[in-house]
Amino acid sequence: ENETGIQVLAIQADVSKDKDIEQVISKTLEIHPRGIDIL
């Protein structure tokens, strides 16, 4: 954020756990309901 000026969504998650991945997706969609373009 400091070096690019872009606001970043930061989520604590363990990518080996399905529920954590689901949380990353859902919290991203709360902020950006249009969807996800890049993974």
Full PDB file with SEQRES, HELIX, SHEET, SSBOND, CRYST1, ORIGX, SCALE, CONECT and MASTER records, all heavy atoms in Angstrom:
SEQRES   1 A   39  GLU ASN GLU THR GLY ILE GLN VAL LEU ALA ILE GLN ALA          
SEQRES   2 A   39  ASP VAL SER LYS ASP LYS ASP ILE GLU GLN VAL ILE SER          
SEQRES   3 A   39  LYS THR LEU GLU ILE HIS PRO ARG GLY ILE ASP ILE LEU          
HELIX    1 AA1 ASP A   18  ILE A   31  1                                  14    
CRYST1    1.000    1.000    1.000  90.00  90.00  90.00 P 1           1          
ORIGX1      1.000000  0.000000  0.000000        0.00000                         
ORIGX2      0.000000  1.000000  0.000000        0.00000                         
ORIGX3      0.000000  0.000000  1.000000        0.00000                         
SCALE1      1.000000  0.000000  0.000000        0.00000                         
SCALE2      0.000000  1.000000  0.000000        0.00000                         
SCALE3      0.000000  0.000000  1.000000        0.00000                         
ATOM      1  N   GLU A   1       0.820  -1.212   0.000  1.00  0.00           N  
ATOM      2  CA  GLU A   1       0.000   0.000   0.000  1.00  0.00           C  
ATOM      3  C   GLU A   1       0.855   1.263   0.000  1.00  0.00           C  
ATOM      4  O   GLU A   1       0.572   2.216  -0.741  1.00  0.00           O  
ATOM      5  CB  GLU A   1      -0.930  -0.013   1.208  1.00  0.00           C  
ATOM      6  CG  GLU A   1      -2.031  -1.056   1.096  1.00  0.00           C  
ATOM      7  CD  GLU A   1      -2.989  -1.062   2.269  1.00  0.00           C  
ATOM      8  OE1 GLU A   1      -2.639  -0.509   3.339  1.00  0.00           O  
ATOM      9  OE2 GLU A   1      -4.097  -1.624   2.118  1.00  0.00           O  
ATOM     10  N   ASN A   2       1.904   1.265   0.793  1.00  0.00           N  
ATOM     11  CA  ASN A   2       2.748   2.463   0.889  1.00  0.00           C  
ATOM     12  C   ASN A   2       3.496   2.755  -0.399  1.00  0.00           C  
ATOM     13  O   ASN A   2       3.728   3.922  -0.752  1.00  0.00           O  
ATOM     14  CB  ASN A   2       3.747   2.323   2.041  1.00  0.00           C  
ATOM     15  CG  ASN A   2       3.086   2.405   3.400  1.00  0.00           C  
ATOM     16  OD1 ASN A   2       1.962   2.907   3.527  1.00  0.00           O  
ATOM     17  ND2 ASN A   2       3.761   1.907   4.432  1.00  0.00           N  
ATOM     18  N   GLU A   3       3.880   1.694  -1.110  1.00  0.00           N  
ATOM     19  CA  GLU A   3       4.719   1.895  -2.298  1.00  0.00           C  
ATOM     20  C   GLU A   3       3.940   1.933  -3.608  1.00  0.00           C  
ATOM     21  O   GLU A   3       4.480   2.362  -4.628  1.00  0.00           O  
ATOM     22  CB  GLU A   3       5.795   0.806  -2.349  1.00  0.00           C  
ATOM     23  CG  GLU A   3       6.762   0.880  -1.161  1.00  0.00           C  
ATOM     24  CD  GLU A   3       7.903  -0.110  -1.255  1.00  0.00           C  
ATOM     25  OE1 GLU A   3       8.324  -0.432  -2.388  1.00  0.00           O  
ATOM     26  OE2 GLU A   3       8.382  -0.568  -0.192  1.00  0.00           O  
ATOM     27  N   THR A   4       2.677   1.475  -3.589  1.00  0.00           N  
ATOM     28  CA  THR A   4       1.888   1.479  -4.832  1.00  0.00           C  
ATOM     29  C   THR A   4       0.662   2.380  -4.754  1.00  0.00           C  
ATOM     30  O   THR A   4       0.108   2.758  -5.794  1.00  0.00           O  
ATOM     31  CB  THR A   4       1.411   0.064  -5.196  1.00  0.00           C  
ATOM     32  OG1 THR A   4       0.413  -0.376  -4.257  1.00  0.00           O  
ATOM     33  CG2 THR A   4       2.572  -0.920  -5.232  1.00  0.00           C  
ATOM     34  N   GLY A   5       0.210   2.677  -3.540  1.00  0.00           N  
ATOM     35  CA  GLY A   5      -1.004   3.472  -3.395  1.00  0.00           C  
ATOM     36  C   GLY A   5      -2.279   2.681  -3.592  1.00  0.00           C  
ATOM     37  O   GLY A   5      -3.381   3.248  -3.584  1.00  0.00           O  
ATOM     38  N   ILE A   6      -2.164   1.374  -3.764  1.00  0.00           N  
ATOM     39  CA  ILE A   6      -3.330   0.506  -3.957  1.00  0.00           C  
ATOM     40  C   ILE A   6      -3.709  -0.130  -2.624  1.00  0.00           C  
ATOM     41  O   ILE A   6      -2.859  -0.688  -1.931  1.00  0.00           O  
ATOM     42  CB  ILE A   6      -3.030  -0.591  -4.987  1.00  0.00           C  
ATOM     43  CG1 ILE A   6      -2.711   0.029  -6.350  1.00  0.00           C  
ATOM     44  CG2 ILE A   6      -4.191  -1.576  -5.095  1.00  0.00           C  
ATOM     45  CD1 ILE A   6      -3.860   0.739  -7.012  1.00  0.00           C  
ATOM     46  N   GLN A   7      -5.000  -0.058  -2.275  1.00  0.00           N  
ATOM     47  CA  GLN A   7      -5.452  -0.684  -1.036  1.00  0.00           C  
ATOM     48  C   GLN A   7      -5.478  -2.200  -1.207  1.00  0.00           C  
ATOM     49  O   GLN A   7      -5.984  -2.731  -2.210  1.00  0.00           O  
ATOM     50  CB  GLN A   7      -6.837  -0.173  -0.645  1.00  0.00           C  
ATOM     51  CG  GLN A   7      -7.271  -0.623   0.739  1.00  0.00           C  
ATOM     52  CD  GLN A   7      -8.516   0.087   1.234  1.00  0.00           C  
ATOM     53  OE1 GLN A   7      -9.098   0.901   0.516  1.00  0.00           O  
ATOM     54  NE2 GLN A   7      -8.917  -0.204   2.464  1.00  0.00           N  
ATOM     55  N   VAL A   8      -4.942  -2.897  -0.231  1.00  0.00           N  
ATOM     56  CA  VAL A   8      -4.791  -4.355  -0.296  1.00  0.00           C  
ATOM     57  C   VAL A   8      -5.684  -5.007   0.750  1.00  0.00           C  
ATOM     58  O   VAL A   8      -5.751  -4.552   1.898  1.00  0.00           O  
ATOM     59  CB  VAL A   8      -3.312  -4.745  -0.049  1.00  0.00           C  
ATOM     60  CG1 VAL A   8      -3.156  -6.258   0.049  1.00  0.00           C  
ATOM     61  CG2 VAL A   8      -2.430  -4.192  -1.163  1.00  0.00           C  
ATOM     62  N   LEU A   9      -6.361  -6.081   0.353  1.00  0.00           N  
ATOM     63  CA  LEU A   9      -7.121  -6.895   1.294  1.00  0.00           C  
ATOM     64  C   LEU A   9      -6.219  -8.023   1.777  1.00  0.00           C  
ATOM     65  O   LEU A   9      -5.716  -8.810   0.964  1.00  0.00           O  
ATOM     66  CB  LEU A   9      -8.364  -7.457   0.614  1.00  0.00           C  
ATOM     67  CG  LEU A   9      -9.276  -8.353   1.468  1.00  0.00           C  
ATOM     68  CD1 LEU A   9      -9.796  -7.591   2.680  1.00  0.00           C  
ATOM     69  CD2 LEU A   9     -10.430  -8.883   0.622  1.00  0.00           C  
ATOM     70  N   ALA A  10      -5.997  -8.097   3.087  1.00  0.00           N  
ATOM     71  CA  ALA A  10      -5.103  -9.102   3.669  1.00  0.00           C  
ATOM     72  C   ALA A  10      -5.912 -10.039   4.559  1.00  0.00           C  
ATOM     73  O   ALA A  10      -6.604  -9.589   5.475  1.00  0.00           O  
ATOM     74  CB  ALA A  10      -4.001  -8.426   4.473  1.00  0.00           C  
ATOM     75  N   ILE A  11      -5.817 -11.344   4.289  1.00  0.00           N  
ATOM     76  CA  ILE A  11      -6.625 -12.335   4.995  1.00  0.00           C  
ATOM     77  C   ILE A  11      -5.728 -13.447   5.523  1.00  0.00           C  
ATOM     78  O   ILE A  11      -4.951 -14.040   4.758  1.00  0.00           O  
ATOM     79  CB  ILE A  11      -7.698 -12.936   4.060  1.00  0.00           C  
ATOM     80  CG1 ILE A  11      -8.579 -11.826   3.485  1.00  0.00           C  
ATOM     81  CG2 ILE A  11      -8.534 -13.981   4.802  1.00  0.00           C  
ATOM     82  CD1 ILE A  11      -9.498 -12.285   2.377  1.00  0.00           C  
ATOM     83  N   GLN A  12      -5.854 -13.746   6.798  1.00  0.00           N  
ATOM     84  CA  GLN A  12      -5.088 -14.846   7.372  1.00  0.00           C  
ATOM     85  C   GLN A  12      -5.717 -16.159   6.926  1.00  0.00           C  
ATOM     86  O   GLN A  12      -6.915 -16.384   7.124  1.00  0.00           O  
ATOM     87  CB  GLN A  12      -5.080 -14.752   8.897  1.00  0.00           C  
ATOM     88  CG  GLN A  12      -4.139 -15.736   9.568  1.00  0.00           C  
ATOM     89  CD  GLN A  12      -4.005 -15.498  11.062  1.00  0.00           C  
ATOM     90  OE1 GLN A  12      -4.783 -14.744  11.651  1.00  0.00           O  
ATOM     91  NE2 GLN A  12      -3.034 -16.134  11.687  1.00  0.00           N  
ATOM     92  N   ALA A  13      -4.913 -17.019   6.321  1.00  0.00           N  
ATOM     93  CA  ALA A  13      -5.459 -18.269   5.787  1.00  0.00           C  
ATOM     94  C   ALA A  13      -4.360 -19.296   5.581  1.00  0.00           C  
ATOM     95  O   ALA A  13      -3.221 -18.951   5.250  1.00  0.00           O  
ATOM     96  CB  ALA A  13      -6.170 -18.013   4.457  1.00  0.00           C  
ATOM     97  N   ASP A  14      -4.727 -20.553   5.766  1.00  0.00           N  
ATOM     98  CA  ASP A  14      -3.875 -21.700   5.458  1.00  0.00           C  
ATOM     99  C   ASP A  14      -4.428 -22.328   4.190  1.00  0.00           C  
ATOM    100  O   ASP A  14      -5.538 -22.875   4.189  1.00  0.00           O  
ATOM    101  CB  ASP A  14      -3.923 -22.691   6.629  1.00  0.00           C  
ATOM    102  CG  ASP A  14      -3.071 -23.935   6.406  1.00  0.00           C  
ATOM    103  OD1 ASP A  14      -2.660 -24.181   5.257  1.00  0.00           O  
ATOM    104  OD2 ASP A  14      -2.836 -24.668   7.382  1.00  0.00           O  
ATOM    105  N   VAL A  15      -3.682 -22.247   3.089  1.00  0.00           N  
ATOM    106  CA  VAL A  15      -4.217 -22.687   1.799  1.00  0.00           C  
ATOM    107  C   VAL A  15      -4.384 -24.201   1.694  1.00  0.00           C  
ATOM    108  O   VAL A  15      -4.952 -24.697   0.723  1.00  0.00           O  
ATOM    109  CB  VAL A  15      -3.368 -22.166   0.615  1.00  0.00           C  
ATOM    110  CG1 VAL A  15      -3.351 -20.651   0.592  1.00  0.00           C  
ATOM    111  CG2 VAL A  15      -1.958 -22.744   0.645  1.00  0.00           C  
ATOM    112  N   SER A  16      -3.926 -24.940   2.688  1.00  0.00           N  
ATOM    113  CA  SER A  16      -4.164 -26.385   2.689  1.00  0.00           C  
ATOM    114  C   SER A  16      -5.533 -26.735   3.268  1.00  0.00           C  
ATOM    115  O   SER A  16      -5.935 -27.901   3.265  1.00  0.00           O  
ATOM    116  CB  SER A  16      -3.074 -27.121   3.471  1.00  0.00           C  
ATOM    117  OG  SER A  16      -3.149 -26.830   4.855  1.00  0.00           O  
ATOM    118  N   LYS A  17      -6.287 -25.710   3.732  1.00  0.00           N  
ATOM    119  CA  LYS A  17      -7.591 -25.936   4.352  1.00  0.00           C  
ATOM    120  C   LYS A  17      -8.696 -25.316   3.504  1.00  0.00           C  
ATOM    121  O   LYS A  17      -8.662 -24.127   3.197  1.00  0.00           O  
ATOM    122  CB  LYS A  17      -7.615 -25.344   5.759  1.00  0.00           C  
ATOM    123  CG  LYS A  17      -6.620 -26.011   6.710  1.00  0.00           C  
ATOM    124  CD  LYS A  17      -6.655 -25.376   8.086  1.00  0.00           C  
ATOM    125  CE  LYS A  17      -5.675 -26.072   9.027  1.00  0.00           C  
ATOM    126  NZ  LYS A  17      -5.647 -25.446  10.371  1.00  0.00           N  
ATOM    127  N   ASP A  18      -9.674 -26.131   3.161  1.00  0.00           N  
ATOM    128  CA  ASP A  18     -10.747 -25.683   2.285  1.00  0.00           C  
ATOM    129  C   ASP A  18     -11.518 -24.512   2.886  1.00  0.00           C  
ATOM    130  O   ASP A  18     -11.857 -23.559   2.184  1.00  0.00           O  
ATOM    131  CB  ASP A  18     -11.697 -26.842   1.993  1.00  0.00           C  
ATOM    132  CG  ASP A  18     -12.749 -26.480   0.965  1.00  0.00           C  
ATOM    133  OD1 ASP A  18     -12.379 -26.157  -0.177  1.00  0.00           O  
ATOM    134  OD2 ASP A  18     -13.957 -26.484   1.306  1.00  0.00           O  
ATOM    135  N   LYS A  19     -11.788 -24.550   4.189  1.00  0.00           N  
ATOM    136  CA  LYS A  19     -12.564 -23.469   4.815  1.00  0.00           C  
ATOM    137  C   LYS A  19     -11.818 -22.141   4.755  1.00  0.00           C  
ATOM    138  O   LYS A  19     -12.442 -21.077   4.636  1.00  0.00           O  
ATOM    139  CB  LYS A  19     -12.942 -23.823   6.247  1.00  0.00           C  
ATOM    140  CG  LYS A  19     -11.778 -23.945   7.209  1.00  0.00           C  
ATOM    141  CD  LYS A  19     -12.263 -24.289   8.610  1.00  0.00           C  
ATOM    142  CE  LYS A  19     -11.114 -24.433   9.595  1.00  0.00           C  
ATOM    143  NZ  LYS A  19     -10.297 -23.200   9.742  1.00  0.00           N  
ATOM    144  N   ASP A  20     -10.485 -22.192   4.820  1.00  0.00           N  
ATOM    145  CA  ASP A  20      -9.703 -20.962   4.730  1.00  0.00           C  
ATOM    146  C   ASP A  20      -9.725 -20.403   3.316  1.00  0.00           C  
ATOM    147  O   ASP A  20      -9.807 -19.173   3.112  1.00  0.00           O  
ATOM    148  CB  ASP A  20      -8.262 -21.215   5.176  1.00  0.00           C  
ATOM    149  CG  ASP A  20      -8.135 -21.348   6.689  1.00  0.00           C  
ATOM    150  OD1 ASP A  20      -9.158 -21.603   7.361  1.00  0.00           O  
ATOM    151  OD2 ASP A  20      -7.014 -21.218   7.206  1.00  0.00           O  
ATOM    152  N   ILE A  21      -9.642 -21.280   2.327  1.00  0.00           N  
ATOM    153  CA  ILE A  21      -9.742 -20.829   0.935  1.00  0.00           C  
ATOM    154  C   ILE A  21     -11.114 -20.199   0.682  1.00  0.00           C  
ATOM    155  O   ILE A  21     -11.221 -19.149   0.035  1.00  0.00           O  
ATOM    156  CB  ILE A  21      -9.484 -22.007  -0.030  1.00  0.00           C  
ATOM    157  CG1 ILE A  21      -8.013 -22.429   0.058  1.00  0.00           C  
ATOM    158  CG2 ILE A  21      -9.867 -21.641  -1.465  1.00  0.00           C  
ATOM    159  CD1 ILE A  21      -7.668 -23.654  -0.753  1.00  0.00           C  
ATOM    160  N   GLU A  22     -12.154 -20.835   1.203  1.00  0.00           N  
ATOM    161  CA  GLU A  22     -13.502 -20.289   1.062  1.00  0.00           C  
ATOM    162  C   GLU A  22     -13.589 -18.897   1.676  1.00  0.00           C  
ATOM    163  O   GLU A  22     -14.223 -17.995   1.116  1.00  0.00           O  
ATOM    164  CB  GLU A  22     -14.505 -21.218   1.741  1.00  0.00           C  
ATOM    165  CG  GLU A  22     -15.954 -20.789   1.602  1.00  0.00           C  
ATOM    166  CD  GLU A  22     -16.416 -20.756   0.160  1.00  0.00           C  
ATOM    167  OE1 GLU A  22     -16.186 -21.749  -0.556  1.00  0.00           O  
ATOM    168  OE2 GLU A  22     -16.991 -19.714  -0.250  1.00  0.00           O  
ATOM    169  N   GLN A  23     -12.904 -18.690   2.796  1.00  0.00           N  
ATOM    170  CA  GLN A  23     -12.914 -17.382   3.442  1.00  0.00           C  
ATOM    171  C   GLN A  23     -12.200 -16.330   2.591  1.00  0.00           C  
ATOM    172  O   GLN A  23     -12.663 -15.188   2.488  1.00  0.00           O  
ATOM    173  CB  GLN A  23     -12.247 -17.486   4.818  1.00  0.00           C  
ATOM    174  CG  GLN A  23     -12.298 -16.206   5.626  1.00  0.00           C  
ATOM    175  CD  GLN A  23     -11.648 -16.357   6.986  1.00  0.00           C  
ATOM    176  OE1 GLN A  23     -10.497 -16.789   7.094  1.00  0.00           O  
ATOM    177  NE2 GLN A  23     -12.365 -16.010   8.034  1.00  0.00           N  
ATOM    178  N   VAL A  24     -11.088 -16.704   1.988  1.00  0.00           N  
ATOM    179  CA  VAL A  24     -10.377 -15.770   1.104  1.00  0.00           C  
ATOM    180  C   VAL A  24     -11.281 -15.337  -0.045  1.00  0.00           C  
ATOM    181  O   VAL A  24     -11.373 -14.145  -0.379  1.00  0.00           O  
ATOM    182  CB  VAL A  24      -9.082 -16.408   0.565  1.00  0.00           C  
ATOM    183  CG1 VAL A  24      -8.440 -15.524  -0.500  1.00  0.00           C  
ATOM    184  CG2 VAL A  24      -8.093 -16.660   1.700  1.00  0.00           C  
ATOM    185  N   ILE A  25     -11.976 -16.306  -0.639  1.00  0.00           N  
ATOM    186  CA  ILE A  25     -12.866 -15.998  -1.764  1.00  0.00           C  
ATOM    187  C   ILE A  25     -14.022 -15.103  -1.307  1.00  0.00           C  
ATOM    188  O   ILE A  25     -14.317 -14.066  -1.922  1.00  0.00           O  
ATOM    189  CB  ILE A  25     -13.426 -17.291  -2.383  1.00  0.00           C  
ATOM    190  CG1 ILE A  25     -12.299 -18.213  -2.865  1.00  0.00           C  
ATOM    191  CG2 ILE A  25     -14.400 -16.956  -3.521  1.00  0.00           C  
ATOM    192  CD1 ILE A  25     -11.512 -17.717  -4.019  1.00  0.00           C  
ATOM    193  N   SER A  26     -14.685 -15.499  -0.228  1.00  0.00           N  
ATOM    194  CA  SER A  26     -15.891 -14.774   0.202  1.00  0.00           C  
ATOM    195  C   SER A  26     -15.571 -13.351   0.648  1.00  0.00           C  
ATOM    196  O   SER A  26     -16.319 -12.405   0.336  1.00  0.00           O  
ATOM    197  CB  SER A  26     -16.608 -15.544   1.312  1.00  0.00           C  
ATOM    198  OG  SER A  26     -15.794 -15.670   2.459  1.00  0.00           O  
ATOM    199  N   LYS A  27     -14.464 -13.170   1.372  1.00  0.00           N  
ATOM    200  CA  LYS A  27     -14.104 -11.824   1.819  1.00  0.00           C  
ATOM    201  C   LYS A  27     -13.694 -10.935   0.644  1.00  0.00           C  
ATOM    202  O   LYS A  27     -13.956  -9.727   0.647  1.00  0.00           O  
ATOM    203  CB  LYS A  27     -12.994 -11.894   2.856  1.00  0.00           C  
ATOM    204  CG  LYS A  27     -13.474 -12.406   4.206  1.00  0.00           C  
ATOM    205  CD  LYS A  27     -12.412 -12.245   5.282  1.00  0.00           C  
ATOM    206  CE  LYS A  27     -12.955 -12.622   6.652  1.00  0.00           C  
ATOM    207  NZ  LYS A  27     -11.965 -12.431   7.733  1.00  0.00           N  
ATOM    208  N   THR A  28     -13.065 -11.530  -0.363  1.00  0.00           N  
ATOM    209  CA  THR A  28     -12.731 -10.765  -1.568  1.00  0.00           C  
ATOM    210  C   THR A  28     -14.000 -10.314  -2.276  1.00  0.00           C  
ATOM    211  O   THR A  28     -14.111  -9.164  -2.716  1.00  0.00           O  
ATOM    212  CB  THR A  28     -11.858 -11.605  -2.515  1.00  0.00           C  
ATOM    213  OG1 THR A  28     -10.644 -11.970  -1.842  1.00  0.00           O  
ATOM    214  CG2 THR A  28     -11.513 -10.832  -3.774  1.00  0.00           C  
ATOM    215  N   LEU A  29     -14.985 -11.207  -2.355  1.00  0.00           N  
ATOM    216  CA  LEU A  29     -16.230 -10.876  -3.040  1.00  0.00           C  
ATOM    217  C   LEU A  29     -17.065  -9.860  -2.270  1.00  0.00           C  
ATOM    218  O   LEU A  29     -17.847  -9.111  -2.873  1.00  0.00           O  
ATOM    219  CB  LEU A  29     -17.041 -12.145  -3.287  1.00  0.00           C  
ATOM    220  CG  LEU A  29     -16.428 -13.125  -4.298  1.00  0.00           C  
ATOM    221  CD1 LEU A  29     -17.227 -14.415  -4.344  1.00  0.00           C  
ATOM    222  CD2 LEU A  29     -16.349 -12.497  -5.695  1.00  0.00           C  
ATOM    223  N   GLU A  30     -16.921  -9.817  -0.953  1.00  0.00           N  
ATOM    224  CA  GLU A  30     -17.609  -8.783  -0.174  1.00  0.00           C  
ATOM    225  C   GLU A  30     -17.149  -7.394  -0.589  1.00  0.00           C  
ATOM    226  O   GLU A  30     -17.946  -6.453  -0.660  1.00  0.00           O  
ATOM    227  CB  GLU A  30     -17.338  -8.976   1.320  1.00  0.00           C  
ATOM    228  CG  GLU A  30     -18.081 -10.143   1.954  1.00  0.00           C  
ATOM    229  CD  GLU A  30     -17.686 -10.342   3.408  1.00  0.00           C  
ATOM    230  OE1 GLU A  30     -17.014  -9.442   3.976  1.00  0.00           O  
ATOM    231  OE2 GLU A  30     -18.032 -11.389   3.979  1.00  0.00           O  
ATOM    232  N   ILE A  31     -15.858  -7.276  -0.872  1.00  0.00           N  
ATOM    233  CA  ILE A  31     -15.290  -5.983  -1.280  1.00  0.00           C  
ATOM    234  C   ILE A  31     -15.450  -5.753  -2.776  1.00  0.00           C  
ATOM    235  O   ILE A  31     -15.674  -4.622  -3.231  1.00  0.00           O  
ATOM    236  CB  ILE A  31     -13.790  -5.923  -0.897  1.00  0.00           C  
ATOM    237  CG1 ILE A  31     -13.592  -6.204   0.584  1.00  0.00           C  
ATOM    238  CG2 ILE A  31     -13.187  -4.565  -1.272  1.00  0.00           C  
ATOM    239  CD1 ILE A  31     -14.244  -5.207   1.507  1.00  0.00           C  
ATOM    240  N   HIS A  32     -15.351  -6.831  -3.548  1.00  0.00           N  
ATOM    241  CA  HIS A  32     -15.397  -6.730  -5.012  1.00  0.00           C  
ATOM    242  C   HIS A  32     -16.446  -7.705  -5.551  1.00  0.00           C  
ATOM    243  O   HIS A  32     -16.100  -8.774  -6.095  1.00  0.00           O  
ATOM    244  CB  HIS A  32     -14.019  -7.053  -5.607  1.00  0.00           C  
ATOM    245  CG  HIS A  32     -12.888  -6.281  -5.015  1.00  0.00           C  
ATOM    246  ND1 HIS A  32     -12.778  -4.905  -5.132  1.00  0.00           N  
ATOM    247  CD2 HIS A  32     -11.817  -6.680  -4.282  1.00  0.00           C  
ATOM    248  CE1 HIS A  32     -11.679  -4.496  -4.517  1.00  0.00           C  
ATOM    249  NE2 HIS A  32     -11.085  -5.553  -3.986  1.00  0.00           N  
ATOM    250  N   PRO A  33     -17.732  -7.392  -5.419  1.00  0.00           N  
ATOM    251  CA  PRO A  33     -18.793  -8.343  -5.795  1.00  0.00           C  
ATOM    252  C   PRO A  33     -18.844  -8.681  -7.280  1.00  0.00           C  
ATOM    253  O   PRO A  33     -19.487  -9.669  -7.659  1.00  0.00           O  
ATOM    254  CB  PRO A  33     -20.072  -7.635  -5.337  1.00  0.00           C  
ATOM    255  CG  PRO A  33     -19.712  -6.179  -5.233  1.00  0.00           C  
ATOM    256  CD  PRO A  33     -18.274  -6.143  -4.843  1.00  0.00           C  
ATOM    257  N   ARG A  34     -18.171  -7.899  -8.106  1.00  0.00           N  
ATOM    258  CA  ARG A  34     -18.181  -8.181  -9.545  1.00  0.00           C  
ATOM    259  C   ARG A  34     -17.560  -9.532  -9.862  1.00  0.00           C  
ATOM    260  O   ARG A  34     -17.878 -10.180 -10.856  1.00  0.00           O  
ATOM    261  CB  ARG A  34     -17.428  -7.065 -10.284  1.00  0.00           C  
ATOM    262  CG  ARG A  34     -17.345  -7.240 -11.787  1.00  0.00           C  
ATOM    263  CD  ARG A  34     -16.607  -6.074 -12.425  1.00  0.00           C  
ATOM    264  NE  ARG A  34     -15.277  -5.907 -11.898  1.00  0.00           N  
ATOM    265  CZ  ARG A  34     -14.233  -6.662 -12.296  1.00  0.00           C  
ATOM    266  NH1 ARG A  34     -14.400  -7.631 -13.168  1.00  0.00           N  
ATOM    267  NH2 ARG A  34     -13.040  -6.433 -11.789  1.00  0.00           N  
ATOM    268  N   GLY A  35     -16.642  -9.983  -9.009  1.00  0.00           N  
ATOM    269  CA  GLY A  35     -16.006 -11.280  -9.244  1.00  0.00           C  
ATOM    270  C   GLY A  35     -14.500 -11.198  -9.195  1.00  0.00           C  
ATOM    271  O   GLY A  35     -13.926 -10.142  -8.893  1.00  0.00           O  
ATOM    272  N   ILE A  36     -13.860 -12.303  -9.502  1.00  0.00           N  
ATOM    273  CA  ILE A  36     -12.401 -12.417  -9.421  1.00  0.00           C  
ATOM    274  C   ILE A  36     -11.857 -12.642 -10.828  1.00  0.00           C  
ATOM    275  O   ILE A  36     -12.314 -13.538 -11.550  1.00  0.00           O  
ATOM    276  CB  ILE A  36     -12.014 -13.575  -8.480  1.00  0.00           C  
ATOM    277  CG1 ILE A  36     -12.473 -13.239  -7.059  1.00  0.00           C  
ATOM    278  CG2 ILE A  36     -10.508 -13.832  -8.517  1.00  0.00           C  
ATOM    279  CD1 ILE A  36     -12.708 -14.435  -6.189  1.00  0.00           C  
ATOM    280  N   ASP A  37     -10.890 -11.820 -11.210  1.00  0.00           N  
ATOM    281  CA  ASP A  37     -10.349 -11.864 -12.567  1.00  0.00           C  
ATOM    282  C   ASP A  37      -9.049 -12.657 -12.669  1.00  0.00           C  
ATOM    283  O   ASP A  37      -8.788 -13.290 -13.696  1.00  0.00           O  
ATOM    284  CB  ASP A  37     -10.071 -10.435 -13.060  1.00  0.00           C  
ATOM    285  CG  ASP A  37     -11.307  -9.555 -13.004  1.00  0.00           C  
ATOM    286  OD1 ASP A  37     -12.280  -9.872 -13.708  1.00  0.00           O  
ATOM    287  OD2 ASP A  37     -11.304  -8.554 -12.258  1.00  0.00           O  
ATOM    288  N   ILE A  38      -8.229 -12.562 -11.632  1.00  0.00           N  
ATOM    289  CA  ILE A  38      -6.874 -13.132 -11.674  1.00  0.00           C  
ATOM    290  C   ILE A  38      -6.660 -13.987 -10.437  1.00  0.00           C  
ATOM    291  O   ILE A  38      -6.966 -13.568  -9.323  1.00  0.00           O  
ATOM    292  CB  ILE A  38      -5.816 -12.009 -11.725  1.00  0.00           C  
ATOM    293  CG1 ILE A  38      -5.938 -11.203 -13.021  1.00  0.00           C  
ATOM    294  CG2 ILE A  38      -4.407 -12.577 -11.567  1.00  0.00           C  
ATOM    295  CD1 ILE A  38      -5.167  -9.885 -12.990  1.00  0.00           C  
ATOM    296  N   LEU A  39      -6.129 -15.184 -10.646  1.00  0.00           N  
ATOM    297  CA  LEU A  39      -5.761 -16.055  -9.536  1.00  0.00           C  
ATOM    298  C   LEU A  39      -4.326 -16.512  -9.729  1.00  0.00           C  
ATOM    299  O   LEU A  39      -3.974 -17.043 -10.786  1.00  0.00           O  
ATOM    300  CB  LEU A  39      -6.682 -17.278  -9.487  1.00  0.00           C  
ATOM    301  CG  LEU A  39      -6.271 -18.392  -8.518  1.00  0.00           C  
ATOM    302  CD1 LEU A  39      -6.327 -17.907  -7.070  1.00  0.00           C  
ATOM    303  CD2 LEU A  39      -7.158 -19.620  -8.706  1.00  0.00           C  
TER     304      LEU A  39                                                      
MASTER        0    0    0    1    0    0    0    6  303    1    0    3          
END                                                                             
